[in-house]
Amino acid sequence: MPDQKDIGKPITALEEELTRLNTRRAAVIAKLQDLRREKALLAQSGKQISLTFRSPAVTNQSSEDDKIALFQTLFKGRDDVYPRRFESAKTGKSGHEP
């Protein structure tokens, strides 16, 4: 049967490992929080429309993907507005309105 000295060394080693893991866990949690904050800021800045003039980053020599991405940013519709379907009681005509 092992004595207390033999059991004490593995206990100490495991406690030290737990301390290292807790330190590492705290660092990972902090990094995760930073990334989540950065993601939220990017999401907010993507919703805001910038009215400042910038020189175009897309030129005639740019790739098709760059040109399409520019077009989509310039002519993006609102995500929070949907058309409603209606039907006129008088004429029976139907359509959509914003």
PDB file of N, CA and C in Angstrom:
ATOM      1  N   MET A   1       0.845  -1.171   0.000  1.00  0.00           N
ATOM      2  CA  MET A   1       0.000   0.000   0.000  1.00  0.00           C
ATOM      3  C   MET A   1       0.896   1.241   0.000  1.00  0.00           C
ATOM      4  N   PRO A   2       0.563   2.237  -0.872  1.00  0.00           N
ATOM      5  CA  PRO A   2       1.396   3.436  -0.929  1.00  0.00           C
ATOM      6  C   PRO A   2       1.224   4.294   0.319  1.00  0.00           C
ATOM      7  N   ASP A   3       2.298   4.976   0.681  1.00  0.00           N
ATOM      8  CA  ASP A   3       2.208   5.847   1.860  1.00  0.00           C
ATOM      9  C   ASP A   3       1.794   7.251   1.429  1.00  0.00           C
ATOM     10  N   GLN A   4       1.652   8.157   2.397  1.00  0.00           N
ATOM     11  CA  GLN A   4       1.167   9.506   2.129  1.00  0.00           C
ATOM     12  C   GLN A   4       2.122  10.289   1.240  1.00  0.00           C
ATOM     13  N   LYS A   5       3.411  10.049   1.356  1.00  0.00           N
ATOM     14  CA  LYS A   5       4.408  10.768   0.558  1.00  0.00           C
ATOM     15  C   LYS A   5       4.269  10.397  -0.919  1.00  0.00           C
ATOM     16  N   ASP A   6       4.011   9.122  -1.183  1.00  0.00           N
ATOM     17  CA  ASP A   6       3.849   8.671  -2.564  1.00  0.00           C
ATOM     18  C   ASP A   6       2.589   9.249  -3.205  1.00  0.00           C
ATOM     19  N   ILE A   7       1.544   9.422  -2.426  1.00  0.00           N
ATOM     20  CA  ILE A   7       0.290   9.971  -2.950  1.00  0.00           C
ATOM     21  C   ILE A   7       0.349  11.499  -3.022  1.00  0.00           C
ATOM     22  N   GLY A   8       1.107  12.115  -2.170  1.00  0.00           N
ATOM     23  CA  GLY A   8       1.196  13.574  -2.127  1.00  0.00           C
ATOM     24  C   GLY A   8       1.796  14.162  -3.394  1.00  0.00           C
ATOM     25  N   LYS A   9       2.786  13.507  -3.986  1.00  0.00           N
ATOM     26  CA  LYS A   9       3.423  14.026  -5.203  1.00  0.00           C
ATOM     27  C   LYS A   9       2.450  14.088  -6.383  1.00  0.00           C
ATOM     28  N   PRO A  10       1.708  13.025  -6.670  1.00  0.00           N
ATOM     29  CA  PRO A  10       0.739  13.127  -7.779  1.00  0.00           C
ATOM     30  C   PRO A  10      -0.360  14.151  -7.512  1.00  0.00           C
ATOM     31  N   ILE A  11      -0.776  14.278  -6.253  1.00  0.00           N
ATOM     32  CA  ILE A  11      -1.791  15.274  -5.915  1.00  0.00           C
ATOM     33  C   ILE A  11      -1.263  16.671  -6.204  1.00  0.00           C
ATOM     34  N   THR A  12      -0.045  16.941  -5.791  1.00  0.00           N
ATOM     35  CA  THR A  12       0.573  18.251  -6.041  1.00  0.00           C
ATOM     36  C   THR A  12       0.696  18.508  -7.536  1.00  0.00           C
ATOM     37  N   ALA A  13       1.133  17.487  -8.275  1.00  0.00           N
ATOM     38  CA  ALA A  13       1.278  17.642  -9.724  1.00  0.00           C
ATOM     39  C   ALA A  13      -0.066  17.931 -10.374  1.00  0.00           C
ATOM     40  N   LEU A  14      -1.113  17.238  -9.959  1.00  0.00           N
ATOM     41  CA  LEU A  14      -2.440  17.462 -10.525  1.00  0.00           C
ATOM     42  C   LEU A  14      -2.989  18.838 -10.152  1.00  0.00           C
ATOM     43  N   GLU A  15      -2.726  19.288  -8.934  1.00  0.00           N
ATOM     44  CA  GLU A  15      -3.163  20.626  -8.526  1.00  0.00           C
ATOM     45  C   GLU A  15      -2.461  21.692  -9.353  1.00  0.00           C
ATOM     46  N   GLU A  16      -1.159  21.499  -9.620  1.00  0.00           N
ATOM     47  CA  GLU A  16      -0.419  22.444 -10.458  1.00  0.00           C
ATOM     48  C   GLU A  16      -0.962  22.445 -11.888  1.00  0.00           C
ATOM     49  N   GLU A  17      -1.303  21.262 -12.386  1.00  0.00           N
ATOM     50  CA  GLU A  17      -1.880  21.177 -13.726  1.00  0.00           C
ATOM     51  C   GLU A  17      -3.228  21.880 -13.783  1.00  0.00           C
ATOM     52  N   LEU A  18      -4.044  21.725 -12.746  1.00  0.00           N
ATOM     53  CA  LEU A  18      -5.327  22.422 -12.690  1.00  0.00           C
ATOM     54  C   LEU A  18      -5.134  23.939 -12.666  1.00  0.00           C
ATOM     55  N   THR A  19      -4.130  24.413 -11.952  1.00  0.00           N
ATOM     56  CA  THR A  19      -3.839  25.848 -11.914  1.00  0.00           C
ATOM     57  C   THR A  19      -3.468  26.346 -13.307  1.00  0.00           C
ATOM     58  N   ARG A  20      -2.617  25.575 -14.011  1.00  0.00           N
ATOM     59  CA  ARG A  20      -2.239  25.960 -15.381  1.00  0.00           C
ATOM     60  C   ARG A  20      -3.459  25.954 -16.295  1.00  0.00           C
ATOM     61  N   LEU A  21      -4.309  24.936 -16.159  1.00  0.00           N
ATOM     62  CA  LEU A  21      -5.507  24.862 -16.988  1.00  0.00           C
ATOM     63  C   LEU A  21      -6.470  26.016 -16.701  1.00  0.00           C
ATOM     64  N   ASN A  22      -6.615  26.369 -15.432  1.00  0.00           N
ATOM     65  CA  ASN A  22      -7.485  27.489 -15.078  1.00  0.00           C
ATOM     66  C   ASN A  22      -6.961  28.798 -15.657  1.00  0.00           C
ATOM     67  N   THR A  23      -5.636  28.980 -15.625  1.00  0.00           N
ATOM     68  CA  THR A  23      -5.034  30.177 -16.207  1.00  0.00           C
ATOM     69  C   THR A  23      -5.273  30.200 -17.707  1.00  0.00           C
ATOM     70  N   ARG A  24      -5.072  29.073 -18.354  1.00  0.00           N
ATOM     71  CA  ARG A  24      -5.290  28.972 -19.795  1.00  0.00           C
ATOM     72  C   ARG A  24      -6.765  29.200 -20.134  1.00  0.00           C
ATOM     73  N   ARG A  25      -7.653  28.654 -19.325  1.00  0.00           N
ATOM     74  CA  ARG A  25      -9.089  28.826 -19.543  1.00  0.00           C
ATOM     75  C   ARG A  25      -9.477  30.296 -19.444  1.00  0.00           C
ATOM     76  N   ALA A  26      -8.930  30.991 -18.454  1.00  0.00           N
ATOM     77  CA  ALA A  26      -9.229  32.417 -18.305  1.00  0.00           C
ATOM     78  C   ALA A  26      -8.743  33.197 -19.525  1.00  0.00           C
ATOM     79  N   ALA A  27      -7.579  32.835 -20.058  1.00  0.00           N
ATOM     80  CA  ALA A  27      -7.052  33.512 -21.239  1.00  0.00           C
ATOM     81  C   ALA A  27      -7.937  33.248 -22.454  1.00  0.00           C
ATOM     82  N   VAL A  28      -8.412  32.023 -22.600  1.00  0.00           N
ATOM     83  CA  VAL A  28      -9.281  31.680 -23.730  1.00  0.00           C
ATOM     84  C   VAL A  28     -10.617  32.407 -23.610  1.00  0.00           C
ATOM     85  N   ILE A  29     -11.162  32.491 -22.413  1.00  0.00           N
ATOM     86  CA  ILE A  29     -12.423  33.204 -22.207  1.00  0.00           C
ATOM     87  C   ILE A  29     -12.262  34.682 -22.552  1.00  0.00           C
ATOM     88  N   ALA A  30     -11.149  35.285 -22.135  1.00  0.00           N
ATOM     89  CA  ALA A  30     -10.902  36.690 -22.442  1.00  0.00           C
ATOM     90  C   ALA A  30     -10.799  36.905 -23.948  1.00  0.00           C
ATOM     91  N   LYS A  31     -10.096  36.027 -24.637  1.00  0.00           N
ATOM     92  CA  LYS A  31      -9.959  36.132 -26.094  1.00  0.00           C
ATOM     93  C   LYS A  31     -11.316  35.976 -26.770  1.00  0.00           C
ATOM     94  N   LEU A  32     -12.126  35.036 -26.296  1.00  0.00           N
ATOM     95  CA  LEU A  32     -13.465  34.825 -26.842  1.00  0.00           C
ATOM     96  C   LEU A  32     -14.341  36.065 -26.663  1.00  0.00           C
ATOM     97  N   GLN A  33     -14.276  36.682 -25.509  1.00  0.00           N
ATOM     98  CA  GLN A  33     -15.047  37.904 -25.261  1.00  0.00           C
ATOM     99  C   GLN A  33     -14.595  39.031 -26.173  1.00  0.00           C
ATOM    100  N   ASP A  34     -13.275  39.152 -26.379  1.00  0.00           N
ATOM    101  CA  ASP A  34     -12.757  40.175 -27.292  1.00  0.00           C
ATOM    102  C   ASP A  34     -13.273  39.953 -28.711  1.00  0.00           C
ATOM    103  N   LEU A  35     -13.257  38.714 -29.168  1.00  0.00           N
ATOM    104  CA  LEU A  35     -13.724  38.409 -30.514  1.00  0.00           C
ATOM    105  C   LEU A  35     -15.216  38.665 -30.653  1.00  0.00           C
ATOM    106  N   ARG A  36     -15.984  38.345 -29.620  1.00  0.00           N
ATOM    107  CA  ARG A  36     -17.429  38.609 -29.674  1.00  0.00           C
ATOM    108  C   ARG A  36     -17.710  40.110 -29.719  1.00  0.00           C
ATOM    109  N   ARG A  37     -16.942  40.889 -28.939  1.00  0.00           N
ATOM    110  CA  ARG A  37     -17.085  42.349 -28.975  1.00  0.00           C
ATOM    111  C   ARG A  37     -16.753  42.885 -30.359  1.00  0.00           C
ATOM    112  N   GLU A  38     -15.665  42.390 -30.928  1.00  0.00           N
ATOM    113  CA  GLU A  38     -15.251  42.834 -32.259  1.00  0.00           C
ATOM    114  C   GLU A  38     -16.305  42.470 -33.306  1.00  0.00           C
ATOM    115  N   LYS A  39     -16.892  41.280 -33.193  1.00  0.00           N
ATOM    116  CA  LYS A  39     -17.936  40.853 -34.117  1.00  0.00           C
ATOM    117  C   LYS A  39     -19.151  41.762 -34.010  1.00  0.00           C
ATOM    118  N   ALA A  40     -19.529  42.118 -32.794  1.00  0.00           N
ATOM    119  CA  ALA A  40     -20.677  43.009 -32.595  1.00  0.00           C
ATOM    120  C   ALA A  40     -20.405  44.384 -33.189  1.00  0.00           C
ATOM    121  N   LEU A  41     -19.202  44.893 -33.021  1.00  0.00           N
ATOM    122  CA  LEU A  41     -18.854  46.194 -33.597  1.00  0.00           C
ATOM    123  C   LEU A  41     -18.890  46.143 -35.115  1.00  0.00           C
ATOM    124  N   LEU A  42     -18.399  45.056 -35.683  1.00  0.00           N
ATOM    125  CA  LEU A  42     -18.432  44.917 -37.137  1.00  0.00           C
ATOM    126  C   LEU A  42     -19.861  44.832 -37.648  1.00  0.00           C
ATOM    127  N   ALA A  43     -20.718  44.138 -36.912  1.00  0.00           N
ATOM    128  CA  ALA A  43     -22.120  44.030 -37.310  1.00  0.00           C
ATOM    129  C   ALA A  43     -22.797  45.392 -37.258  1.00  0.00           C
ATOM    130  N   GLN A  44     -22.485  46.185 -36.228  1.00  0.00           N
ATOM    131  CA  GLN A  44     -23.070  47.520 -36.111  1.00  0.00           C
ATOM    132  C   GLN A  44     -22.565  48.428 -37.221  1.00  0.00           C
ATOM    133  N   SER A  45     -21.289  48.372 -37.515  1.00  0.00           N
ATOM    134  CA  SER A  45     -20.743  49.257 -38.543  1.00  0.00           C
ATOM    135  C   SER A  45     -21.250  48.856 -39.913  1.00  0.00           C
ATOM    136  N   GLY A  46     -21.591  47.586 -40.119  1.00  0.00           N
ATOM    137  CA  GLY A  46     -22.139  47.148 -41.394  1.00  0.00           C
ATOM    138  C   GLY A  46     -23.541  47.661 -41.615  1.00  0.00           C
ATOM    139  N   LYS A  47     -24.285  47.948 -40.541  1.00  0.00           N
ATOM    140  CA  LYS A  47     -25.656  48.431 -40.651  1.00  0.00           C
ATOM    141  C   LYS A  47     -25.705  49.930 -40.930  1.00  0.00           C
ATOM    142  N   GLN A  48     -24.651  50.640 -40.559  1.00  0.00           N
ATOM    143  CA  GLN A  48     -24.640  52.076 -40.745  1.00  0.00           C
ATOM    144  C   GLN A  48     -24.216  52.405 -42.166  1.00  0.00           C
ATOM    145  N   ILE A  49     -24.874  53.388 -42.757  1.00  0.00           N
ATOM    146  CA  ILE A  49     -24.539  53.809 -44.108  1.00  0.00           C
ATOM    147  C   ILE A  49     -23.576  54.982 -44.008  1.00  0.00           C
ATOM    148  N   SER A  50     -22.447  54.845 -44.661  1.00  0.00           N
ATOM    149  CA  SER A  50     -21.457  55.903 -44.635  1.00  0.00           C
ATOM    150  C   SER A  50     -21.744  56.883 -45.762  1.00  0.00           C
ATOM    151  N   LEU A  51     -21.828  58.164 -45.432  1.00  0.00           N
ATOM    152  CA  LEU A  51     -22.091  59.181 -46.424  1.00  0.00           C
ATOM    153  C   LEU A  51     -20.822  59.923 -46.839  1.00  0.00           C
ATOM    154  N   THR A  52     -19.695  59.514 -46.326  1.00  0.00           N
ATOM    155  CA  THR A  52     -18.450  60.170 -46.688  1.00  0.00           C
ATOM    156  C   THR A  52     -17.979  59.657 -48.035  1.00  0.00           C
ATOM    157  N   PHE A  53     -17.347  60.550 -48.805  1.00  0.00           N
ATOM    158  CA  PHE A  53     -16.851  60.181 -50.125  1.00  0.00           C
ATOM    159  C   PHE A  53     -15.508  59.488 -49.987  1.00  0.00           C
ATOM    160  N   ARG A  54     -15.388  58.390 -50.659  1.00  0.00           N
ATOM    161  CA  ARG A  54     -14.121  57.660 -50.681  1.00  0.00           C
ATOM    162  C   ARG A  54     -13.768  57.377 -52.124  1.00  0.00           C
ATOM    163  N   SER A  55     -12.491  57.357 -52.410  1.00  0.00           N
ATOM    164  CA  SER A  55     -12.097  57.016 -53.769  1.00  0.00           C
ATOM    165  C   SER A  55     -12.420  55.550 -54.010  1.00  0.00           C
ATOM    166  N   PRO A  56     -12.885  55.223 -55.194  1.00  0.00           N
ATOM    167  CA  PRO A  56     -13.300  53.846 -55.441  1.00  0.00           C
ATOM    168  C   PRO A  56     -12.115  52.886 -55.403  1.00  0.00           C
ATOM    169  N   ALA A  57     -12.324  51.775 -54.712  1.00  0.00           N
ATOM    170  CA  ALA A  57     -11.293  50.758 -54.643  1.00  0.00           C
ATOM    171  C   ALA A  57     -11.421  49.796 -55.812  1.00  0.00           C
ATOM    172  N   VAL A  58     -12.553  49.871 -56.511  1.00  0.00           N
ATOM    173  CA  VAL A  58     -12.787  48.998 -57.652  1.00  0.00           C
ATOM    174  C   VAL A  58     -12.563  49.806 -58.918  1.00  0.00           C
ATOM    175  N   THR A  59     -11.773  49.263 -59.805  1.00  0.00           N
ATOM    176  CA  THR A  59     -11.482  49.927 -61.080  1.00  0.00           C
ATOM    177  C   THR A  59     -11.870  49.013 -62.232  1.00  0.00           C
ATOM    178  N   ASN A  60     -11.636  49.468 -63.457  1.00  0.00           N
ATOM    179  CA  ASN A  60     -11.939  48.636 -64.626  1.00  0.00           C
ATOM    180  C   ASN A  60     -11.121  47.355 -64.625  1.00  0.00           C
ATOM    181  N   GLN A  61      -9.967  47.382 -63.993  1.00  0.00           N
ATOM    182  CA  GLN A  61      -9.100  46.214 -63.977  1.00  0.00           C
ATOM    183  C   GLN A  61      -9.431  45.260 -62.812  1.00  0.00           C
ATOM    184  N   SER A  62     -10.375  45.619 -61.970  1.00  0.00           N
ATOM    185  CA  SER A  62     -10.735  44.768 -60.829  1.00  0.00           C
ATOM    186  C   SER A  62     -11.418  43.499 -61.308  1.00  0.00           C
ATOM    187  N   SER A  63     -11.400  42.498 -60.442  1.00  0.00           N
ATOM    188  CA  SER A  63     -12.027  41.219 -60.789  1.00  0.00           C
ATOM    189  C   SER A  63     -13.548  41.351 -60.779  1.00  0.00           C
ATOM    190  N   GLU A  64     -14.205  40.385 -61.416  1.00  0.00           N
ATOM    191  CA  GLU A  64     -15.667  40.376 -61.438  1.00  0.00           C
ATOM    192  C   GLU A  64     -16.252  40.309 -60.034  1.00  0.00           C
ATOM    193  N   ASP A  65     -15.639  39.501 -59.185  1.00  0.00           N
ATOM    194  CA  ASP A  65     -16.136  39.360 -57.812  1.00  0.00           C
ATOM    195  C   ASP A  65     -16.090  40.691 -57.069  1.00  0.00           C
ATOM    196  N   ASP A  66     -15.007  41.455 -57.242  1.00  0.00           N
ATOM    197  CA  ASP A  66     -14.901  42.764 -56.590  1.00  0.00           C
ATOM    198  C   ASP A  66     -15.973  43.716 -57.106  1.00  0.00           C
ATOM    199  N   LYS A  67     -16.221  43.677 -58.416  1.00  0.00           N
ATOM    200  CA  LYS A  67     -17.234  44.557 -58.998  1.00  0.00           C
ATOM    201  C   LYS A  67     -18.630  44.190 -58.507  1.00  0.00           C
ATOM    202  N   ILE A  68     -18.906  42.891 -58.432  1.00  0.00           N
ATOM    203  CA  ILE A  68     -20.211  42.436 -57.946  1.00  0.00           C
ATOM    204  C   ILE A  68     -20.392  42.821 -56.480  1.00  0.00           C
ATOM    205  N   ALA A  69     -19.341  42.658 -55.676  1.00  0.00           N
ATOM    206  CA  ALA A  69     -19.418  43.026 -54.257  1.00  0.00           C
ATOM    207  C   ALA A  69     -19.691  44.518 -54.103  1.00  0.00           C
ATOM    208  N   LEU A  70     -19.038  45.351 -54.913  1.00  0.00           N
ATOM    209  CA  LEU A  70     -19.284  46.790 -54.868  1.00  0.00           C
ATOM    210  C   LEU A  70     -20.731  47.097 -55.244  1.00  0.00           C
ATOM    211  N   PHE A  71     -21.215  46.495 -56.308  1.00  0.00           N
ATOM    212  CA  PHE A  71     -22.597  46.717 -56.740  1.00  0.00           C
ATOM    213  C   PHE A  71     -23.582  46.347 -55.640  1.00  0.00           C
ATOM    214  N   GLN A  72     -23.347  45.206 -55.004  1.00  0.00           N
ATOM    215  CA  GLN A  72     -24.257  44.759 -53.956  1.00  0.00           C
ATOM    216  C   GLN A  72     -24.242  45.683 -52.749  1.00  0.00           C
ATOM    217  N   THR A  73     -23.095  46.288 -52.432  1.00  0.00           N
ATOM    218  CA  THR A  73     -23.070  47.223 -51.302  1.00  0.00           C
ATOM    219  C   THR A  73     -23.751  48.535 -51.656  1.00  0.00           C
ATOM    220  N   LEU A  74     -23.651  48.955 -52.924  1.00  0.00           N
ATOM    221  CA  LEU A  74     -24.249  50.227 -53.318  1.00  0.00           C
ATOM    222  C   LEU A  74     -25.762  50.141 -53.475  1.00  0.00           C
ATOM    223  N   PHE A  75     -26.264  49.001 -53.876  1.00  0.00           N
ATOM    224  CA  PHE A  75     -27.684  48.864 -54.163  1.00  0.00           C
ATOM    225  C   PHE A  75     -28.361  47.841 -53.266  1.00  0.00           C
ATOM    226  N   LYS A  76     -27.929  47.793 -52.035  1.00  0.00           N
ATOM    227  CA  LYS A  76     -28.507  46.860 -51.078  1.00  0.00           C
ATOM    228  C   LYS A  76     -29.817  47.435 -50.553  1.00  0.00           C
ATOM    229  N   GLY A  77     -30.839  46.597 -50.528  1.00  0.00           N
ATOM    230  CA  GLY A  77     -32.124  47.024 -50.001  1.00  0.00           C
ATOM    231  C   GLY A  77     -32.171  46.904 -48.489  1.00  0.00           C
ATOM    232  N   ARG A  78     -33.230  47.416 -47.923  1.00  0.00           N
ATOM    233  CA  ARG A  78     -33.401  47.327 -46.479  1.00  0.00           C
ATOM    234  C   ARG A  78     -33.899  45.943 -46.099  1.00  0.00           C
ATOM    235  N   ASP A  79     -33.377  45.433 -44.994  1.00  0.00           N
ATOM    236  CA  ASP A  79     -33.776  44.111 -44.519  1.00  0.00           C
ATOM    237  C   ASP A  79     -35.018  44.162 -43.626  1.00  0.00           C
ATOM    238  N   ASP A  80     -35.364  45.353 -43.154  1.00  0.00           N
ATOM    239  CA  ASP A  80     -36.456  45.449 -42.187  1.00  0.00           C
ATOM    240  C   ASP A  80     -37.776  45.901 -42.816  1.00  0.00           C
ATOM    241  N   VAL A  81     -37.841  46.008 -44.143  1.00  0.00           N
ATOM    242  CA  VAL A  81     -39.059  46.454 -44.812  1.00  0.00           C
ATOM    243  C   VAL A  81     -39.499  45.366 -45.787  1.00  0.00           C
ATOM    244  N   TYR A  82     -40.769  44.988 -45.690  1.00  0.00           N
ATOM    245  CA  TYR A  82     -41.325  43.962 -46.565  1.00  0.00           C
ATOM    246  C   TYR A  82     -42.604  44.499 -47.200  1.00  0.00           C
ATOM    247  N   PRO A  83     -42.887  44.151 -48.441  1.00  0.00           N
ATOM    248  CA  PRO A  83     -44.130  44.597 -49.049  1.00  0.00           C
ATOM    249  C   PRO A  83     -45.325  43.815 -48.490  1.00  0.00           C
ATOM    250  N   ARG A  84     -46.468  44.493 -48.452  1.00  0.00           N
ATOM    251  CA  ARG A  84     -47.697  43.827 -48.019  1.00  0.00           C
ATOM    252  C   ARG A  84     -48.598  43.642 -49.229  1.00  0.00           C
ATOM    253  N   ARG A  85     -49.233  42.505 -49.287  1.00  0.00           N
ATOM    254  CA  ARG A  85     -50.176  42.246 -50.373  1.00  0.00           C
ATOM    255  C   ARG A  85     -51.523  42.853 -49.991  1.00  0.00           C
ATOM    256  N   PHE A  86     -52.172  43.451 -50.986  1.00  0.00           N
ATOM    257  CA  PHE A  86     -53.496  44.009 -50.727  1.00  0.00           C
ATOM    258  C   PHE A  86     -54.436  43.611 -51.854  1.00  0.00           C
ATOM    259  N   GLU A  87     -55.710  43.703 -51.568  1.00  0.00           N
ATOM    260  CA  GLU A  87     -56.739  43.479 -52.586  1.00  0.00           C
ATOM    261  C   GLU A  87     -57.808  44.538 -52.389  1.00  0.00           C
ATOM    262  N   SER A  88     -58.077  45.267 -53.454  1.00  0.00           N
ATOM    263  CA  SER A  88     -59.042  46.350 -53.379  1.00  0.00           C
ATOM    264  C   SER A  88     -60.454  45.781 -53.299  1.00  0.00           C
ATOM    265  N   ALA A  89     -61.199  46.266 -52.324  1.00  0.00           N
ATOM    266  CA  ALA A  89     -62.597  45.813 -52.167  1.00  0.00           C
ATOM    267  C   ALA A  89     -63.469  46.363 -53.273  1.00  0.00           C
ATOM    268  N   LYS A  90     -63.143  47.556 -53.785  1.00  0.00           N
ATOM    269  CA  LYS A  90     -63.954  48.196 -54.814  1.00  0.00           C
ATOM    270  C   LYS A  90     -63.720  47.575 -56.191  1.00  0.00           C
ATOM    271  N   THR A  91     -62.454  47.470 -56.571  1.00  0.00           N
ATOM    272  CA  THR A  91     -62.144  47.024 -57.926  1.00  0.00           C
ATOM    273  C   THR A  91     -61.757  45.558 -58.008  1.00  0.00           C
ATOM    274  N   GLY A  92     -61.395  44.963 -56.903  1.00  0.00           N
ATOM    275  CA  GLY A  92     -60.984  43.564 -56.914  1.00  0.00           C
ATOM    276  C   GLY A  92     -59.542  43.369 -57.337  1.00  0.00           C
ATOM    277  N   LYS A  93     -58.854  44.467 -57.629  1.00  0.00           N
ATOM    278  CA  LYS A  93     -57.459  44.363 -58.033  1.00  0.00           C
ATOM    279  C   LYS A  93     -56.580  44.093 -56.812  1.00  0.00           C
ATOM    280  N   SER A  94     -55.468  43.397 -57.051  1.00  0.00           N
ATOM    281  CA  SER A  94     -54.549  43.115 -55.962  1.00  0.00           C
ATOM    282  C   SER A  94     -53.158  43.602 -56.350  1.00  0.00           C
ATOM    283  N   GLY A  95     -52.329  43.748 -55.358  1.00  0.00           N
ATOM    284  CA  GLY A  95     -50.962  44.210 -55.597  1.00  0.00           C
ATOM    285  C   GLY A  95     -50.175  44.178 -54.306  1.00  0.00           C
ATOM    286  N   HIS A  96     -49.045  44.847 -54.350  1.00  0.00           N
ATOM    287  CA  HIS A  96     -48.163  44.923 -53.172  1.00  0.00           C
ATOM    288  C   HIS A  96     -47.805  46.384 -52.911  1.00  0.00           C
ATOM    289  N   GLU A  97     -47.662  46.704 -51.648  1.00  0.00           N
ATOM    290  CA  GLU A  97     -47.240  48.051 -51.258  1.00  0.00           C
ATOM    291  C   GLU A  97     -46.188  47.918 -50.163  1.00  0.00           C
ATOM    292  N   PRO A  98     -45.268  48.890 -50.128  1.00  0.00           N
ATOM    293  CA  PRO A  98     -44.212  48.816 -49.087  1.00  0.00           C
ATOM    294  C   PRO A  98     -44.775  49.067 -47.703  1.00  0.00           C
TER     295      PRO A  98
END
